[in-house]
Amino acid sequence: MQDIVLGDVTITRVVEYHGHVGLSPGAFFPDASPETWREHEPWLAPDFVDPAADEYVAAVQTWLLRSGGRTILVDTGVGNHKDRPGSPVWHHLDTDFLGELAKAGVRPEDVDLVVNTHLHVDHVGWNTRLDGDDWAPTFPNATYLVSRADFDFWNPANGHRPRLGDGNRNVFEDSVAPVREAGQVLLWEDRHVIDRDLRLELAPGHTPGSAVLALESGTDRALFVGDLLHTPFQIVEPDTNTCFCEDPAEAAATRHRLLGRAGDTGALVVPAHLAGHGGAEVVRDGGKFAIKAWAPFARL
């Protein structure tokens, strides 16, 4: 099952990629000691780490939401045919993502809203696709919701030097600017209400404008947290950041705050890259957190 219903919102998991991403856990999460990884490795393998290859395991997936009569995509993955010299795993990727979206009953023209939780290479790729020699919006009838803080940070004209460096090379130019030029980008600040069940809130640290999409419908709750978490290791060890977090202290503080909120409200935590069951319910465990139950999506 790759569909679940929370209140009045239907959520479908659409997977673009699943597997290694070319980084060991130690390289991806330098805050964590090898001893701590070894302690947790038995339950993290094989869904989230491949010990034999010493590789972190991830999914690149889009969360398809049907809410208030609208079709909404949360993040758009890597995209096809993109020139990514600083990200070899994503360089000229060629997947059947649009075919997977079609299996979920959605054509590009059906999409009403696209939420980019932030503007990293693996979250905005299908914002555009090739039309001849040009990059054009993949979803011609959609409004793309982008935080102003991230738009300004990643705009090359502003001269920032991000930690991701060459890993995000060409991304703004081929996956963000064409949509902006088409008049389809809505820049928001602080928070943005989508409908009675969904709202966007800033969750900075991983990037300056990283966002969380909060779902509150009836008695059901969920938090689509983007890259606040890359692995469930960060639930049980919430001070652990990735090597790509722009402000590590802020990223850890945001993670603690939102995991605490999820633990207190029973919200399902739905990150962008969790393999396995794709998300989890959490509970407080002293100053850390524990996994109460996995999300009911089918295990990858």
Protein backbone atom coordinates (compact mmCIF):
# COMPACT_ATOMS: atom_id res chain seq x y z
CA MET A 1 0.00 0.00 0.00
CA GLN A 2 1.38 3.38 -1.00
CA ASP A 3 -1.77 5.37 -0.13
CA ILE A 4 -2.95 6.43 3.30
CA VAL A 5 -5.76 8.74 4.39
CA LEU A 6 -5.37 11.25 7.20
CA GLY A 7 -8.59 13.09 7.90
CA ASP A 8 -9.73 14.54 4.58
CA VAL A 9 -6.30 14.25 2.93
CA THR A 10 -5.11 11.31 0.84
CA ILE A 11 -1.34 10.79 0.70
CA THR A 12 0.41 8.74 -1.98
CA ARG A 13 4.09 7.86 -2.06
CA VAL A 14 5.70 8.26 -5.50
CA VAL A 15 9.28 6.97 -5.60
CA GLU A 16 11.84 8.25 -8.10
CA TYR A 17 14.96 6.50 -6.77
CA HIS A 18 15.90 4.03 -4.03
CA GLY A 19 19.40 2.91 -3.12
CA HIS A 20 22.91 4.14 -2.43
CA VAL A 21 23.76 7.82 -2.90
CA GLY A 22 27.55 7.54 -2.88
CA LEU A 23 28.21 8.51 0.74
CA SER A 24 29.04 6.47 3.80
CA PRO A 25 27.07 7.17 6.99
CA GLY A 26 30.21 8.64 8.52
CA ALA A 27 30.65 11.08 5.64
CA PHE A 28 26.97 12.04 5.42
CA PHE A 29 26.52 12.42 9.19
CA PRO A 30 29.89 13.56 10.55
CA ASP A 31 28.43 14.55 13.94
CA ALA A 32 27.91 10.90 14.90
CA SER A 33 30.74 8.70 16.12
CA PRO A 34 31.45 5.34 14.45
CA GLU A 35 30.68 3.69 17.80
CA THR A 36 27.18 5.20 17.87
CA TRP A 37 26.52 4.06 14.31
CA ARG A 38 27.61 0.53 15.20
CA GLU A 39 25.30 0.57 18.21
CA HIS A 40 22.26 1.33 16.03
CA GLU A 41 23.31 -0.53 12.89
CA PRO A 42 21.38 -3.75 13.64
CA TRP A 43 17.99 -2.04 13.37
CA LEU A 44 18.99 0.51 10.70
CA ALA A 45 20.09 -2.20 8.27
CA PRO A 46 19.11 -2.94 5.58
CA ASP A 47 16.50 -0.22 5.05
CA PHE A 48 18.61 2.80 5.98
CA VAL A 49 22.21 1.62 5.84
CA ASP A 50 24.12 -1.05 3.93
CA PRO A 51 26.89 -2.18 6.32
CA ALA A 52 28.63 -4.42 3.78
CA ALA A 53 29.07 -1.52 1.36
CA ASP A 54 29.40 1.12 4.12
CA GLU A 55 26.71 3.13 2.33
CA TYR A 56 23.80 5.26 3.48
CA VAL A 57 20.54 4.08 1.85
CA ALA A 58 17.92 6.62 0.78
CA ALA A 59 14.76 7.08 -1.19
CA VAL A 60 14.05 10.07 -3.38
CA GLN A 61 10.30 10.43 -3.34
CA THR A 62 7.49 12.85 -3.89
CA TRP A 63 4.51 12.97 -1.56
CA LEU A 64 1.31 13.33 -3.57
CA LEU A 65 -1.49 14.91 -1.57
CA ARG A 66 -5.12 15.25 -2.56
CA SER A 67 -6.66 17.91 -0.38
CA GLY A 68 -9.57 20.32 -0.76
CA GLY A 69 -10.16 19.20 -4.34
CA ARG A 70 -6.57 19.97 -5.35
CA THR A 71 -3.60 17.84 -6.37
CA ILE A 72 -0.42 18.78 -4.52
CA LEU A 73 3.15 17.51 -4.88
CA VAL A 74 5.59 17.84 -1.98
CA ASP A 75 9.09 18.00 -3.52
CA THR A 76 9.92 16.90 -7.04
CA GLY A 77 13.08 14.83 -6.75
CA VAL A 78 16.11 14.92 -9.04
CA GLY A 79 14.62 15.10 -12.53
CA ASN A 80 15.83 13.68 -15.82
CA HIS A 81 18.70 14.78 -18.04
CA LYS A 82 19.97 17.38 -15.58
CA ASP A 83 23.65 18.35 -15.75
CA ARG A 84 24.94 17.69 -12.23
CA PRO A 85 28.76 17.63 -12.31
CA GLY A 86 28.97 17.98 -8.53
CA SER A 87 26.48 15.19 -7.80
CA PRO A 88 27.54 12.10 -9.78
CA VAL A 89 24.62 9.91 -8.63
CA TRP A 90 22.15 12.49 -9.97
CA HIS A 91 24.08 13.42 -13.15
CA HIS A 92 21.84 12.90 -16.21
CA LEU A 93 19.48 10.65 -14.28
CA ASP A 94 16.84 8.96 -16.43
CA THR A 95 13.86 7.53 -14.53
CA ASP A 96 10.19 6.87 -15.19
CA PHE A 97 9.03 9.31 -12.52
CA LEU A 98 6.21 10.69 -14.65
CA GLY A 99 5.12 7.13 -15.34
CA GLU A 100 5.01 6.46 -11.61
CA LEU A 101 2.97 9.62 -11.15
CA ALA A 102 0.61 8.40 -13.89
CA LYS A 103 0.17 5.10 -12.02
CA ALA A 104 -1.07 7.22 -9.12
CA GLY A 105 -3.63 8.76 -11.48
CA VAL A 106 -1.93 12.11 -12.05
CA ARG A 107 -0.87 13.74 -15.31
CA PRO A 108 1.44 16.79 -15.23
CA GLU A 109 -1.44 19.08 -16.18
CA ASP A 110 -3.49 17.80 -13.23
CA VAL A 111 -1.13 19.22 -10.60
CA ASP A 112 -2.41 22.36 -8.86
CA LEU A 113 0.38 23.05 -6.36
CA VAL A 114 4.03 22.08 -6.04
CA VAL A 115 5.69 22.51 -2.65
CA ASN A 116 9.50 22.72 -2.66
CA THR A 117 10.49 22.19 0.98
CA HIS A 118 13.87 23.67 0.02
CA LEU A 119 15.94 24.15 -3.12
CA HIS A 120 18.48 21.35 -2.99
CA VAL A 121 19.29 19.30 -6.09
CA ASP A 122 17.12 16.33 -5.07
CA HIS A 123 13.98 18.33 -4.24
CA VAL A 124 13.35 20.48 -7.32
CA GLY A 125 14.46 18.45 -10.33
CA TRP A 126 11.05 17.65 -11.77
CA ASN A 127 10.02 21.28 -11.44
CA THR A 128 11.10 21.39 -15.07
CA ARG A 129 11.67 19.08 -18.03
CA LEU A 130 13.23 19.54 -21.44
CA ASP A 131 11.11 21.11 -24.14
CA GLY A 132 13.39 20.98 -27.15
CA ASP A 133 16.58 22.61 -25.89
CA ASP A 134 14.86 24.61 -23.13
CA TRP A 135 13.76 23.84 -19.59
CA ALA A 136 10.02 24.33 -19.16
CA PRO A 137 7.72 23.82 -16.16
CA THR A 138 6.76 20.15 -15.91
CA PHE A 139 3.43 21.05 -14.31
CA PRO A 140 2.00 23.80 -16.54
CA ASN A 141 -1.07 24.58 -14.42
CA ALA A 142 0.62 24.50 -11.01
CA THR A 143 1.64 27.21 -8.60
CA TYR A 144 5.08 26.41 -7.17
CA LEU A 145 5.41 27.38 -3.49
CA VAL A 146 8.96 28.40 -2.56
CA SER A 147 10.13 30.14 0.60
CA ARG A 148 11.59 33.55 -0.15
CA ALA A 149 14.53 32.85 2.17
CA ASP A 150 15.62 29.83 0.13
CA PHE A 151 14.92 31.53 -3.20
CA ASP A 152 17.18 34.42 -2.24
CA PHE A 153 19.87 32.17 -0.73
CA TRP A 154 20.20 29.93 -3.79
CA ASN A 155 19.88 32.67 -6.40
CA PRO A 156 23.42 32.88 -7.86
CA ALA A 157 22.98 36.62 -8.35
CA ASN A 158 23.19 37.05 -4.57
CA GLY A 159 26.65 35.50 -4.29
CA HIS A 160 26.15 33.10 -1.36
CA ARG A 161 28.65 30.26 -0.85
CA PRO A 162 26.59 27.29 0.40
CA ARG A 163 28.02 24.22 2.10
CA LEU A 164 26.57 22.02 -0.64
CA GLY A 165 28.83 23.93 -3.04
CA ASP A 166 29.18 22.34 -6.45
CA GLY A 167 26.57 19.75 -5.50
CA ASN A 168 23.85 22.29 -6.30
CA ARG A 169 25.49 23.61 -9.45
CA ASN A 170 23.02 24.45 -12.25
CA VAL A 171 20.01 23.70 -10.05
CA PHE A 172 18.65 27.23 -9.70
CA GLU A 173 19.22 27.92 -13.39
CA ASP A 174 17.50 24.81 -14.80
CA SER A 175 14.93 23.92 -12.12
CA VAL A 176 13.89 27.15 -10.39
CA ALA A 177 14.48 30.15 -12.66
CA PRO A 178 12.44 28.77 -15.61
CA VAL A 179 9.40 28.33 -13.37
CA ARG A 180 9.84 31.82 -11.95
CA GLU A 181 10.13 33.23 -15.48
CA ALA A 182 6.91 31.42 -16.41
CA GLY A 183 5.13 33.30 -13.62
CA GLN A 184 4.33 30.14 -11.67
CA VAL A 185 6.35 30.72 -8.46
CA LEU A 186 4.72 32.09 -5.32
CA LEU A 187 7.31 33.23 -2.77
CA TRP A 188 6.10 33.04 0.82
CA GLU A 189 7.54 34.18 4.14
CA ASP A 190 7.15 32.86 7.71
CA ARG A 191 4.05 30.75 6.96
CA HIS A 192 1.61 30.09 4.16
CA VAL A 193 -1.89 28.61 4.49
CA ILE A 194 -2.75 26.23 1.64
CA ASP A 195 -6.19 25.16 2.81
CA ARG A 196 -8.02 24.33 6.03
CA ASP A 197 -5.91 21.17 6.48
CA LEU A 198 -2.46 22.20 5.21
CA ARG A 199 -0.04 25.00 5.97
CA LEU A 200 3.64 25.71 5.36
CA GLU A 201 5.95 26.91 8.12
CA LEU A 202 9.63 27.84 8.09
CA ALA A 203 11.91 25.21 9.62
CA PRO A 204 15.39 26.69 9.04
CA GLY A 205 18.80 25.20 9.61
CA HIS A 206 19.34 22.65 6.86
CA THR A 207 18.90 25.63 4.54
CA PRO A 208 17.83 29.15 5.51
CA GLY A 209 14.37 28.69 4.03
CA SER A 210 13.71 25.02 4.69
CA ALA A 211 10.02 24.41 5.30
CA VAL A 212 7.74 21.91 6.96
CA LEU A 213 4.27 21.16 5.63
CA ALA A 214 1.89 20.63 8.56
CA LEU A 215 -1.25 18.56 8.06
CA GLU A 216 -4.04 18.88 10.63
CA SER A 217 -7.29 17.28 9.53
CA GLY A 218 -9.86 16.10 12.03
CA THR A 219 -7.90 14.26 14.70
CA ASP A 220 -5.05 13.31 12.35
CA ARG A 221 -1.68 15.04 12.21
CA ALA A 222 1.40 14.79 9.99
CA LEU A 223 4.57 16.79 9.45
CA PHE A 224 6.24 16.62 6.03
CA VAL A 225 9.70 17.66 7.16
CA GLY A 226 11.81 17.56 4.00
CA ASP A 227 15.45 17.15 5.01
CA LEU A 228 14.98 17.81 8.70
CA LEU A 229 15.63 14.04 8.85
CA HIS A 230 17.50 11.88 6.36
CA THR A 231 17.51 8.76 8.51
CA PRO A 232 15.66 7.48 11.61
CA PHE A 233 19.07 7.57 13.32
CA GLN A 234 18.36 11.31 13.67
CA ILE A 235 15.19 10.53 15.63
CA VAL A 236 17.06 8.60 18.31
CA GLU A 237 20.13 10.89 18.04
CA PRO A 238 18.50 14.26 17.20
CA ASP A 239 21.69 16.33 17.54
CA THR A 240 23.06 14.59 14.44
CA ASN A 241 23.27 16.84 11.37
CA THR A 242 24.23 16.11 7.80
CA CYS A 243 27.36 17.49 6.20
CA PHE A 244 25.07 19.70 4.07
CA CYS A 245 23.30 21.62 6.86
CA GLU A 246 23.95 25.34 6.37
CA ASP A 247 23.50 26.15 10.07
CA PRO A 248 24.09 22.97 12.10
CA ALA A 249 23.08 24.45 15.46
CA GLU A 250 19.84 25.82 14.04
CA ALA A 251 19.16 22.55 12.20
CA ALA A 252 19.49 20.56 15.44
CA ALA A 253 17.29 23.01 17.36
CA THR A 254 14.61 22.84 14.65
CA ARG A 255 14.78 19.04 14.66
CA HIS A 256 14.30 18.90 18.43
CA ARG A 257 11.40 21.35 18.25
CA LEU A 258 9.50 19.54 15.51
CA LEU A 259 10.14 16.04 16.83
CA GLY A 260 8.87 17.28 20.19
CA ARG A 261 5.77 18.62 18.51
CA ALA A 262 5.24 15.30 16.74
CA GLY A 263 5.69 13.39 19.97
CA ASP A 264 3.25 15.62 21.82
CA THR A 265 0.53 15.63 19.13
CA GLY A 266 0.87 12.15 17.63
CA ALA A 267 1.83 13.60 14.23
CA LEU A 268 3.25 11.22 11.67
CA VAL A 269 6.76 12.39 10.71
CA VAL A 270 7.24 12.15 6.92
CA PRO A 271 10.73 13.08 5.67
CA ALA A 272 11.74 13.33 2.04
CA HIS A 273 14.29 10.52 1.94
CA LEU A 274 13.32 7.77 4.36
CA ALA A 275 13.38 4.39 2.70
CA GLY A 276 11.68 1.47 4.46
CA HIS A 277 8.16 2.56 5.41
CA GLY A 278 8.81 6.21 4.60
CA GLY A 279 7.88 7.79 7.94
CA ALA A 280 7.31 7.18 11.61
CA GLU A 281 5.37 8.08 14.72
CA VAL A 282 7.68 9.22 17.52
CA VAL A 283 7.58 9.58 21.30
CA ARG A 284 9.79 11.51 23.69
CA ASP A 285 12.61 9.56 25.31
CA GLY A 286 14.25 11.87 27.82
CA GLY A 287 16.00 14.56 25.80
CA LYS A 288 15.85 12.37 22.70
CA PHE A 289 13.10 10.51 20.86
CA ALA A 290 12.10 6.95 20.05
CA ILE A 291 10.13 5.36 17.23
CA LYS A 292 6.65 4.33 18.31
CA ALA A 293 5.55 2.86 14.97
CA TRP A 294 6.48 3.01 11.32
CA ALA A 295 4.18 4.68 8.80
CA PRO A 296 1.71 2.33 7.12
CA PHE A 297 3.23 2.69 3.64
CA ALA A 298 4.57 -0.47 2.02
CA ARG A 299 8.24 -1.07 2.77
CA LEU A 300 10.58 -0.35 -0.12
